[in-house]
């Protein structure tokens, strides 16, 4: 694998793509999407804002939850997302910490990433250490305390999916690079029995190159559009 910083589109974010914004508005309207679950809020100004703005002002979703592991990013995101009263930003881990660390330590893509020369990664010399710190929420500032009553703990993906009803659902996965495929697998395990829409970022990256391969191989998924240059894919699952 190659360093993501060397990718020609490393500075391009999917939220800057007006075509994707247009597609999202159409999918939300035509699919009558009423629920959104996102993993990877960061500061809230990228994909979270893009999806929130895709909803008509008079038709806010009944449930819009976005998850962020890093405390400092979460605090900033809450301020930035204040203009969207329907968005709930939760601070906590999308998966179980031990589950994530076991997944990372056993991931063949991290043990021998040179086998995938056309895929990008954030750290070449010690990717396991890098991505382990990421899932702990330690990149960009160490959390001051997870003892705070505002910290929601672990396994938020499963918990939030369990709280969703049967109305149309959009899932956005744009979080920790090392566990992107783990997050994708958890989501699909929990909602594969129902229709849903899925938006993935960084499909040329360790994060979701395997997720994209799964979408292409599984006939239950219909790829609505895939932008290889900008690195995103939007798909619909219809069991």
C-alpha atoms as a PDB file:
ATOM      1  CA  UNK A   1       0.000   0.000   0.000  1.00  0.00           C
ATOM      2  CA  UNK A   2       1.017   3.604  -0.551  1.00  0.00           C
ATOM      3  CA  UNK A   3       0.770   6.599   1.741  1.00  0.00           C
ATOM      4  CA  UNK A   4      -2.606   8.279   1.446  1.00  0.00           C
ATOM      5  CA  UNK A   5      -0.909  11.689   1.533  1.00  0.00           C
ATOM      6  CA  UNK A   6       0.597  10.790  -1.864  1.00  0.00           C
ATOM      7  CA  UNK A   7      -2.783  10.048  -3.460  1.00  0.00           C
ATOM      8  CA  UNK A   8      -3.698  12.616  -6.152  1.00  0.00           C
ATOM      9  CA  UNK A   9      -7.109  13.088  -4.548  1.00  0.00           C
ATOM     10  CA  UNK A  10      -5.949  13.177  -0.917  1.00  0.00           C
ATOM     11  CA  UNK A  11      -7.093  16.780  -0.511  1.00  0.00           C
ATOM     12  CA  UNK A  12     -10.480  16.122  -2.158  1.00  0.00           C
ATOM     13  CA  UNK A  13     -13.421  15.403   0.112  1.00  0.00           C
ATOM     14  CA  UNK A  14     -16.708  13.917  -1.026  1.00  0.00           C
ATOM     15  CA  UNK A  15     -18.601  16.731   0.701  1.00  0.00           C
ATOM     16  CA  UNK A  16     -17.130  19.167  -1.857  1.00  0.00           C
ATOM     17  CA  UNK A  17     -18.752  17.268  -4.729  1.00  0.00           C
ATOM     18  CA  UNK A  18     -21.877  19.111  -5.976  1.00  0.00           C
ATOM     19  CA  UNK A  19     -22.890  16.055  -8.009  1.00  0.00           C
ATOM     20  CA  UNK A  20     -22.973  13.878  -4.885  1.00  0.00           C
ATOM     21  CA  UNK A  21     -25.019  16.519  -3.079  1.00  0.00           C
ATOM     22  CA  UNK A  22     -27.524  16.462  -5.924  1.00  0.00           C
ATOM     23  CA  UNK A  23     -27.733  12.655  -5.876  1.00  0.00           C
ATOM     24  CA  UNK A  24     -28.212  12.615  -2.105  1.00  0.00           C
ATOM     25  CA  UNK A  25     -31.078  15.097  -2.309  1.00  0.00           C
ATOM     26  CA  UNK A  26     -32.776  12.892  -4.915  1.00  0.00           C
ATOM     27  CA  UNK A  27     -32.214   9.665  -2.958  1.00  0.00           C
ATOM     28  CA  UNK A  28     -33.487  11.218   0.272  1.00  0.00           C
ATOM     29  CA  UNK A  29     -36.539  12.602  -1.509  1.00  0.00           C
ATOM     30  CA  UNK A  30     -37.412   9.573  -3.631  1.00  0.00           C
ATOM     31  CA  UNK A  31     -36.496   7.015  -0.976  1.00  0.00           C
ATOM     32  CA  UNK A  32     -38.303   8.996   1.736  1.00  0.00           C
ATOM     33  CA  UNK A  33     -35.309   8.506   4.002  1.00  0.00           C
ATOM     34  CA  UNK A  34     -36.279   9.281   7.570  1.00  0.00           C
ATOM     35  CA  UNK A  35     -33.254   8.019   9.512  1.00  0.00           C
ATOM     36  CA  UNK A  36     -29.508   8.591   9.224  1.00  0.00           C
ATOM     37  CA  UNK A  37     -26.676   6.911  11.083  1.00  0.00           C
ATOM     38  CA  UNK A  38     -23.132   8.127  10.483  1.00  0.00           C
ATOM     39  CA  UNK A  39     -19.835   6.952  11.873  1.00  0.00           C
ATOM     40  CA  UNK A  40     -17.056   9.534  11.747  1.00  0.00           C
ATOM     41  CA  UNK A  41     -18.329  13.026  12.540  1.00  0.00           C
ATOM     42  CA  UNK A  42     -14.884  14.595  12.918  1.00  0.00           C
ATOM     43  CA  UNK A  43     -15.677  18.322  13.210  1.00  0.00           C
ATOM     44  CA  UNK A  44     -19.084  17.991  11.593  1.00  0.00           C
ATOM     45  CA  UNK A  45     -18.303  20.214   8.613  1.00  0.00           C
ATOM     46  CA  UNK A  46     -17.847  17.469   6.006  1.00  0.00           C
ATOM     47  CA  UNK A  47     -20.159  14.554   5.344  1.00  0.00           C
ATOM     48  CA  UNK A  48     -22.384  15.302   8.348  1.00  0.00           C
ATOM     49  CA  UNK A  49     -23.212  18.792   7.121  1.00  0.00           C
ATOM     50  CA  UNK A  50     -23.526  17.578   3.528  1.00  0.00           C
ATOM     51  CA  UNK A  51     -26.138  14.953   4.449  1.00  0.00           C
ATOM     52  CA  UNK A  52     -27.989  17.288   6.823  1.00  0.00           C
ATOM     53  CA  UNK A  53     -28.231  19.928   4.079  1.00  0.00           C
ATOM     54  CA  UNK A  54     -29.623  17.336   1.662  1.00  0.00           C
ATOM     55  CA  UNK A  55     -32.874  17.197   3.643  1.00  0.00           C
ATOM     56  CA  UNK A  56     -35.536  19.760   2.735  1.00  0.00           C
ATOM     57  CA  UNK A  57     -35.879  22.379   5.448  1.00  0.00           C
ATOM     58  CA  UNK A  58     -39.493  21.442   6.028  1.00  0.00           C
ATOM     59  CA  UNK A  59     -38.777  17.672   6.181  1.00  0.00           C
ATOM     60  CA  UNK A  60     -36.196  16.921   8.834  1.00  0.00           C
ATOM     61  CA  UNK A  61     -35.463  13.230   9.499  1.00  0.00           C
ATOM     62  CA  UNK A  62     -36.995  11.660  12.574  1.00  0.00           C
ATOM     63  CA  UNK A  63     -33.568  10.396  13.654  1.00  0.00           C
ATOM     64  CA  UNK A  64     -30.085  11.557  12.628  1.00  0.00           C
ATOM     65  CA  UNK A  65     -27.228  10.253  14.768  1.00  0.00           C
ATOM     66  CA  UNK A  66     -23.529  10.772  14.103  1.00  0.00           C
ATOM     67  CA  UNK A  67     -20.697   9.149  16.088  1.00  0.00           C
ATOM     68  CA  UNK A  68     -17.250  10.509  16.969  1.00  0.00           C
ATOM     69  CA  UNK A  69     -14.551   8.788  19.051  1.00  0.00           C
ATOM     70  CA  UNK A  70     -12.301  11.793  19.693  1.00  0.00           C
ATOM     71  CA  UNK A  71     -13.456  14.103  22.462  1.00  0.00           C
ATOM     72  CA  UNK A  72     -11.982  17.308  21.067  1.00  0.00           C
ATOM     73  CA  UNK A  73     -13.454  16.699  17.608  1.00  0.00           C
ATOM     74  CA  UNK A  74     -16.815  15.825  19.183  1.00  0.00           C
ATOM     75  CA  UNK A  75     -16.882  19.053  21.169  1.00  0.00           C
ATOM     76  CA  UNK A  76     -16.140  21.087  18.057  1.00  0.00           C
ATOM     77  CA  UNK A  77     -18.670  19.124  15.987  1.00  0.00           C
ATOM     78  CA  UNK A  78     -21.469  19.856  18.441  1.00  0.00           C
ATOM     79  CA  UNK A  79     -20.805  23.567  18.046  1.00  0.00           C
ATOM     80  CA  UNK A  80     -20.577  23.353  14.259  1.00  0.00           C
ATOM     81  CA  UNK A  81     -23.769  21.302  13.962  1.00  0.00           C
ATOM     82  CA  UNK A  82     -25.833  23.556  16.186  1.00  0.00           C
ATOM     83  CA  UNK A  83     -27.753  24.888  13.196  1.00  0.00           C
ATOM     84  CA  UNK A  84     -29.181  21.399  12.613  1.00  0.00           C
ATOM     85  CA  UNK A  85     -31.382  20.728  15.661  1.00  0.00           C
ATOM     86  CA  UNK A  86     -32.313  17.293  14.321  1.00  0.00           C
ATOM     87  CA  UNK A  87     -28.689  16.039  14.385  1.00  0.00           C
ATOM     88  CA  UNK A  88     -27.537  14.186  17.511  1.00  0.00           C
ATOM     89  CA  UNK A  89     -23.765  13.933  17.873  1.00  0.00           C
ATOM     90  CA  UNK A  90     -22.577  11.172  20.208  1.00  0.00           C
ATOM     91  CA  UNK A  91     -19.103  10.824  21.706  1.00  0.00           C
ATOM     92  CA  UNK A  92     -17.995   7.206  21.946  1.00  0.00           C
ATOM     93  CA  UNK A  93     -16.620   4.218  20.046  1.00  0.00           C
ATOM     94  CA  UNK A  94     -18.537   2.886  17.065  1.00  0.00           C
ATOM     95  CA  UNK A  95     -17.414  -0.662  17.915  1.00  0.00           C
ATOM     96  CA  UNK A  96     -16.074  -2.390  21.016  1.00  0.00           C
ATOM     97  CA  UNK A  97     -12.503  -1.312  21.742  1.00  0.00           C
ATOM     98  CA  UNK A  98     -11.256  -4.849  22.310  1.00  0.00           C
ATOM     99  CA  UNK A  99     -13.110  -6.019  19.193  1.00  0.00           C
ATOM    100  CA  UNK A 100     -11.432  -3.274  17.149  1.00  0.00           C
ATOM    101  CA  UNK A 101      -7.957  -4.039  18.503  1.00  0.00           C
ATOM    102  CA  UNK A 102      -8.385  -7.760  17.799  1.00  0.00           C
ATOM    103  CA  UNK A 103      -9.575  -6.974  14.278  1.00  0.00           C
ATOM    104  CA  UNK A 104      -6.561  -4.722  13.655  1.00  0.00           C
ATOM    105  CA  UNK A 105      -4.024  -7.170  15.039  1.00  0.00           C
ATOM    106  CA  UNK A 106      -5.425  -9.946  12.862  1.00  0.00           C
ATOM    107  CA  UNK A 107      -5.859  -7.929   9.672  1.00  0.00           C
ATOM    108  CA  UNK A 108      -3.677  -9.367   6.913  1.00  0.00           C
ATOM    109  CA  UNK A 109      -3.801  -5.999   5.147  1.00  0.00           C
ATOM    110  CA  UNK A 110      -1.854  -4.472   8.034  1.00  0.00           C
ATOM    111  CA  UNK A 111       0.512  -7.410   8.499  1.00  0.00           C
ATOM    112  CA  UNK A 112       1.614  -7.354   4.860  1.00  0.00           C
ATOM    113  CA  UNK A 113       0.179  -4.265   3.190  1.00  0.00           C
ATOM    114  CA  UNK A 114       2.698  -4.478   0.319  1.00  0.00           C
ATOM    115  CA  UNK A 115       0.427  -7.160  -1.216  1.00  0.00           C
ATOM    116  CA  UNK A 116      -2.028  -4.390  -2.191  1.00  0.00           C
ATOM    117  CA  UNK A 117       0.172  -1.901  -4.076  1.00  0.00           C
ATOM    118  CA  UNK A 118      -2.710   0.153  -5.478  1.00  0.00           C
ATOM    119  CA  UNK A 119      -4.453   0.780  -2.147  1.00  0.00           C
ATOM    120  CA  UNK A 120      -3.657   3.700   0.157  1.00  0.00           C
ATOM    121  CA  UNK A 121      -2.931   3.751   3.877  1.00  0.00           C
ATOM    122  CA  UNK A 122      -2.242   6.483   6.448  1.00  0.00           C
ATOM    123  CA  UNK A 123       0.928   5.030   7.972  1.00  0.00           C
ATOM    124  CA  UNK A 124       3.391   2.660   6.330  1.00  0.00           C
ATOM    125  CA  UNK A 125       6.009   1.998   9.020  1.00  0.00           C
ATOM    126  CA  UNK A 126       3.736   0.973  11.887  1.00  0.00           C
ATOM    127  CA  UNK A 127       0.116   0.989  10.738  1.00  0.00           C
ATOM    128  CA  UNK A 128      -1.068  -1.224  13.614  1.00  0.00           C
ATOM    129  CA  UNK A 129       0.123   1.282  16.212  1.00  0.00           C
ATOM    130  CA  UNK A 130      -1.343   4.188  14.231  1.00  0.00           C
ATOM    131  CA  UNK A 131      -4.799   2.673  13.791  1.00  0.00           C
ATOM    132  CA  UNK A 132      -4.889   1.363  17.351  1.00  0.00           C
ATOM    133  CA  UNK A 133      -4.375   4.935  18.579  1.00  0.00           C
ATOM    134  CA  UNK A 134      -7.086   6.098  16.191  1.00  0.00           C
ATOM    135  CA  UNK A 135      -9.754   3.766  17.559  1.00  0.00           C
ATOM    136  CA  UNK A 136      -8.836   4.875  21.075  1.00  0.00           C
ATOM    137  CA  UNK A 137      -9.661   8.434  20.010  1.00  0.00           C
ATOM    138  CA  UNK A 138      -6.111   9.588  20.638  1.00  0.00           C
ATOM    139  CA  UNK A 139      -5.298  11.201  17.304  1.00  0.00           C
ATOM    140  CA  UNK A 140      -5.635  14.971  17.293  1.00  0.00           C
ATOM    141  CA  UNK A 141      -5.668  15.170  21.080  1.00  0.00           C
ATOM    142  CA  UNK A 142      -6.063  12.661  23.915  1.00  0.00           C
ATOM    143  CA  UNK A 143      -9.548  12.600  25.456  1.00  0.00           C
ATOM    144  CA  UNK A 144      -9.498  14.274  28.880  1.00  0.00           C
ATOM    145  CA  UNK A 145     -11.769  11.718  30.482  1.00  0.00           C
ATOM    146  CA  UNK A 146     -14.161   9.013  29.364  1.00  0.00           C
ATOM    147  CA  UNK A 147     -15.659   9.173  32.847  1.00  0.00           C
ATOM    148  CA  UNK A 148     -17.770  12.115  31.706  1.00  0.00           C
ATOM    149  CA  UNK A 149     -21.489  11.490  31.688  1.00  0.00           C
ATOM    150  CA  UNK A 150     -21.500  12.625  28.066  1.00  0.00           C
ATOM    151  CA  UNK A 151     -19.298   9.755  26.922  1.00  0.00           C
ATOM    152  CA  UNK A 152     -21.547   7.053  25.453  1.00  0.00           C
ATOM    153  CA  UNK A 153     -19.122   4.142  25.763  1.00  0.00           C
ATOM    154  CA  UNK A 154     -18.556   1.498  23.105  1.00  0.00           C
ATOM    155  CA  UNK A 155     -20.496  -0.432  20.444  1.00  0.00           C
ATOM    156  CA  UNK A 156     -22.479   2.609  19.369  1.00  0.00           C
ATOM    157  CA  UNK A 157     -23.056   1.284  15.847  1.00  0.00           C
ATOM    158  CA  UNK A 158     -24.884  -1.771  17.128  1.00  0.00           C
ATOM    159  CA  UNK A 159     -26.742   0.203  19.777  1.00  0.00           C
ATOM    160  CA  UNK A 160     -27.939   2.900  17.384  1.00  0.00           C
ATOM    161  CA  UNK A 161     -28.910   0.404  14.688  1.00  0.00           C
ATOM    162  CA  UNK A 162     -30.940  -1.431  17.310  1.00  0.00           C
ATOM    163  CA  UNK A 163     -32.761   1.811  18.130  1.00  0.00           C
ATOM    164  CA  UNK A 164     -33.751   2.468  14.500  1.00  0.00           C
ATOM    165  CA  UNK A 165     -37.240   1.603  13.355  1.00  0.00           C
ATOM    166  CA  UNK A 166     -38.221   0.133   9.973  1.00  0.00           C
ATOM    167  CA  UNK A 167     -38.494   3.466   8.146  1.00  0.00           C
ATOM    168  CA  UNK A 168     -36.002   4.164   5.321  1.00  0.00           C
ATOM    169  CA  UNK A 169     -32.412   4.365   6.559  1.00  0.00           C
ATOM    170  CA  UNK A 170     -29.216   5.931   5.208  1.00  0.00           C
ATOM    171  CA  UNK A 171     -25.910   4.760   6.711  1.00  0.00           C
ATOM    172  CA  UNK A 172     -22.756   6.846   6.179  1.00  0.00           C
ATOM    173  CA  UNK A 173     -19.391   5.293   7.055  1.00  0.00           C
ATOM    174  CA  UNK A 174     -16.534   7.789   7.091  1.00  0.00           C
ATOM    175  CA  UNK A 175     -14.612   7.106  10.290  1.00  0.00           C
ATOM    176  CA  UNK A 176     -11.548   5.239  11.519  1.00  0.00           C
ATOM    177  CA  UNK A 177      -9.447   4.084   8.575  1.00  0.00           C
ATOM    178  CA  UNK A 178      -8.241   0.858  10.136  1.00  0.00           C
ATOM    179  CA  UNK A 179     -11.673  -0.468  11.047  1.00  0.00           C
ATOM    180  CA  UNK A 180     -13.727   0.730   8.091  1.00  0.00           C
ATOM    181  CA  UNK A 181     -14.346  -2.801   6.880  1.00  0.00           C
ATOM    182  CA  UNK A 182     -15.227  -3.936  10.410  1.00  0.00           C
ATOM    183  CA  UNK A 183     -17.816  -1.156  10.644  1.00  0.00           C
ATOM    184  CA  UNK A 184     -19.223  -2.091   7.237  1.00  0.00           C
ATOM    185  CA  UNK A 185     -19.498  -5.739   8.285  1.00  0.00           C
ATOM    186  CA  UNK A 186     -21.277  -4.831  11.533  1.00  0.00           C
ATOM    187  CA  UNK A 187     -23.770  -2.594   9.739  1.00  0.00           C
ATOM    188  CA  UNK A 188     -24.598  -5.167   7.098  1.00  0.00           C
ATOM    189  CA  UNK A 189     -24.909  -7.946   9.661  1.00  0.00           C
ATOM    190  CA  UNK A 190     -27.558  -5.937  11.503  1.00  0.00           C
ATOM    191  CA  UNK A 191     -29.604  -4.583   8.593  1.00  0.00           C
ATOM    192  CA  UNK A 192     -29.111  -7.082   5.787  1.00  0.00           C
ATOM    193  CA  UNK A 193     -32.713  -8.251   6.222  1.00  0.00           C
ATOM    194  CA  UNK A 194     -34.064  -4.831   5.176  1.00  0.00           C
ATOM    195  CA  UNK A 195     -33.626  -2.208   2.468  1.00  0.00           C
ATOM    196  CA  UNK A 196     -31.189   0.597   3.267  1.00  0.00           C
ATOM    197  CA  UNK A 197     -28.871   3.056   1.557  1.00  0.00           C
ATOM    198  CA  UNK A 198     -25.127   3.167   2.169  1.00  0.00           C
ATOM    199  CA  UNK A 199     -22.595   5.944   1.517  1.00  0.00           C
ATOM    200  CA  UNK A 200     -18.890   5.082   1.836  1.00  0.00           C
ATOM    201  CA  UNK A 201     -15.925   7.428   1.619  1.00  0.00           C
ATOM    202  CA  UNK A 202     -12.287   6.525   0.833  1.00  0.00           C
ATOM    203  CA  UNK A 203     -12.945   3.475  -1.335  1.00  0.00           C
ATOM    204  CA  UNK A 204      -9.340   3.547  -2.637  1.00  0.00           C
ATOM    205  CA  UNK A 205      -8.085   3.418   0.960  1.00  0.00           C
ATOM    206  CA  UNK A 206      -7.562   0.614   3.481  1.00  0.00           C
ATOM    207  CA  UNK A 207     -10.790   1.884   5.038  1.00  0.00           C
ATOM    208  CA  UNK A 208     -13.244   0.682   2.420  1.00  0.00           C
ATOM    209  CA  UNK A 209     -11.601  -1.009  -0.562  1.00  0.00           C
ATOM    210  CA  UNK A 210     -12.905  -4.370   0.734  1.00  0.00           C
ATOM    211  CA  UNK A 211     -16.326  -2.883   1.426  1.00  0.00           C
ATOM    212  CA  UNK A 212     -16.535  -1.738  -2.201  1.00  0.00           C
ATOM    213  CA  UNK A 213     -15.544  -5.219  -3.410  1.00  0.00           C
ATOM    214  CA  UNK A 214     -18.389  -6.648  -1.321  1.00  0.00           C
ATOM    215  CA  UNK A 215     -20.895  -4.204  -2.797  1.00  0.00           C
ATOM    216  CA  UNK A 216     -19.856  -5.194  -6.295  1.00  0.00           C
ATOM    217  CA  UNK A 217     -20.038  -8.923  -5.584  1.00  0.00           C
ATOM    218  CA  UNK A 218     -23.319  -9.037  -3.649  1.00  0.00           C
ATOM    219  CA  UNK A 219     -26.400  -8.963  -5.933  1.00  0.00           C
ATOM    220  CA  UNK A 220     -28.468  -7.509  -3.077  1.00  0.00           C
ATOM    221  CA  UNK A 221     -26.590  -4.225  -3.540  1.00  0.00           C
ATOM    222  CA  UNK A 222     -27.248  -1.830  -6.389  1.00  0.00           C
ATOM    223  CA  UNK A 223     -24.515   0.755  -6.852  1.00  0.00           C
ATOM    224  CA  UNK A 224     -26.258   4.042  -7.567  1.00  0.00           C
ATOM    225  CA  UNK A 225     -23.018   5.817  -8.368  1.00  0.00           C
ATOM    226  CA  UNK A 226     -19.321   5.345  -7.708  1.00  0.00           C
ATOM    227  CA  UNK A 227     -16.744   8.109  -8.133  1.00  0.00           C
ATOM    228  CA  UNK A 228     -13.312   6.514  -8.287  1.00  0.00           C
ATOM    229  CA  UNK A 229     -11.498   9.860  -8.481  1.00  0.00           C
ATOM    230  CA  UNK A 230     -13.140  11.400  -5.423  1.00  0.00           C
ATOM    231  CA  UNK A 231     -13.288   8.045  -3.673  1.00  0.00           C
ATOM    232  CA  UNK A 232     -16.944   7.578  -2.736  1.00  0.00           C
ATOM    233  CA  UNK A 233     -19.723   5.136  -3.516  1.00  0.00           C
ATOM    234  CA  UNK A 234     -23.470   5.344  -2.898  1.00  0.00           C
ATOM    235  CA  UNK A 235     -25.410   2.078  -2.958  1.00  0.00           C
ATOM    236  CA  UNK A 236     -28.834   0.696  -2.149  1.00  0.00           C
ATOM    237  CA  UNK A 237     -29.375  -2.637  -0.460  1.00  0.00           C
ATOM    238  CA  UNK A 238     -32.525  -4.515  -1.431  1.00  0.00           C
ATOM    239  CA  UNK A 239     -32.702  -8.044   0.058  1.00  0.00           C
END
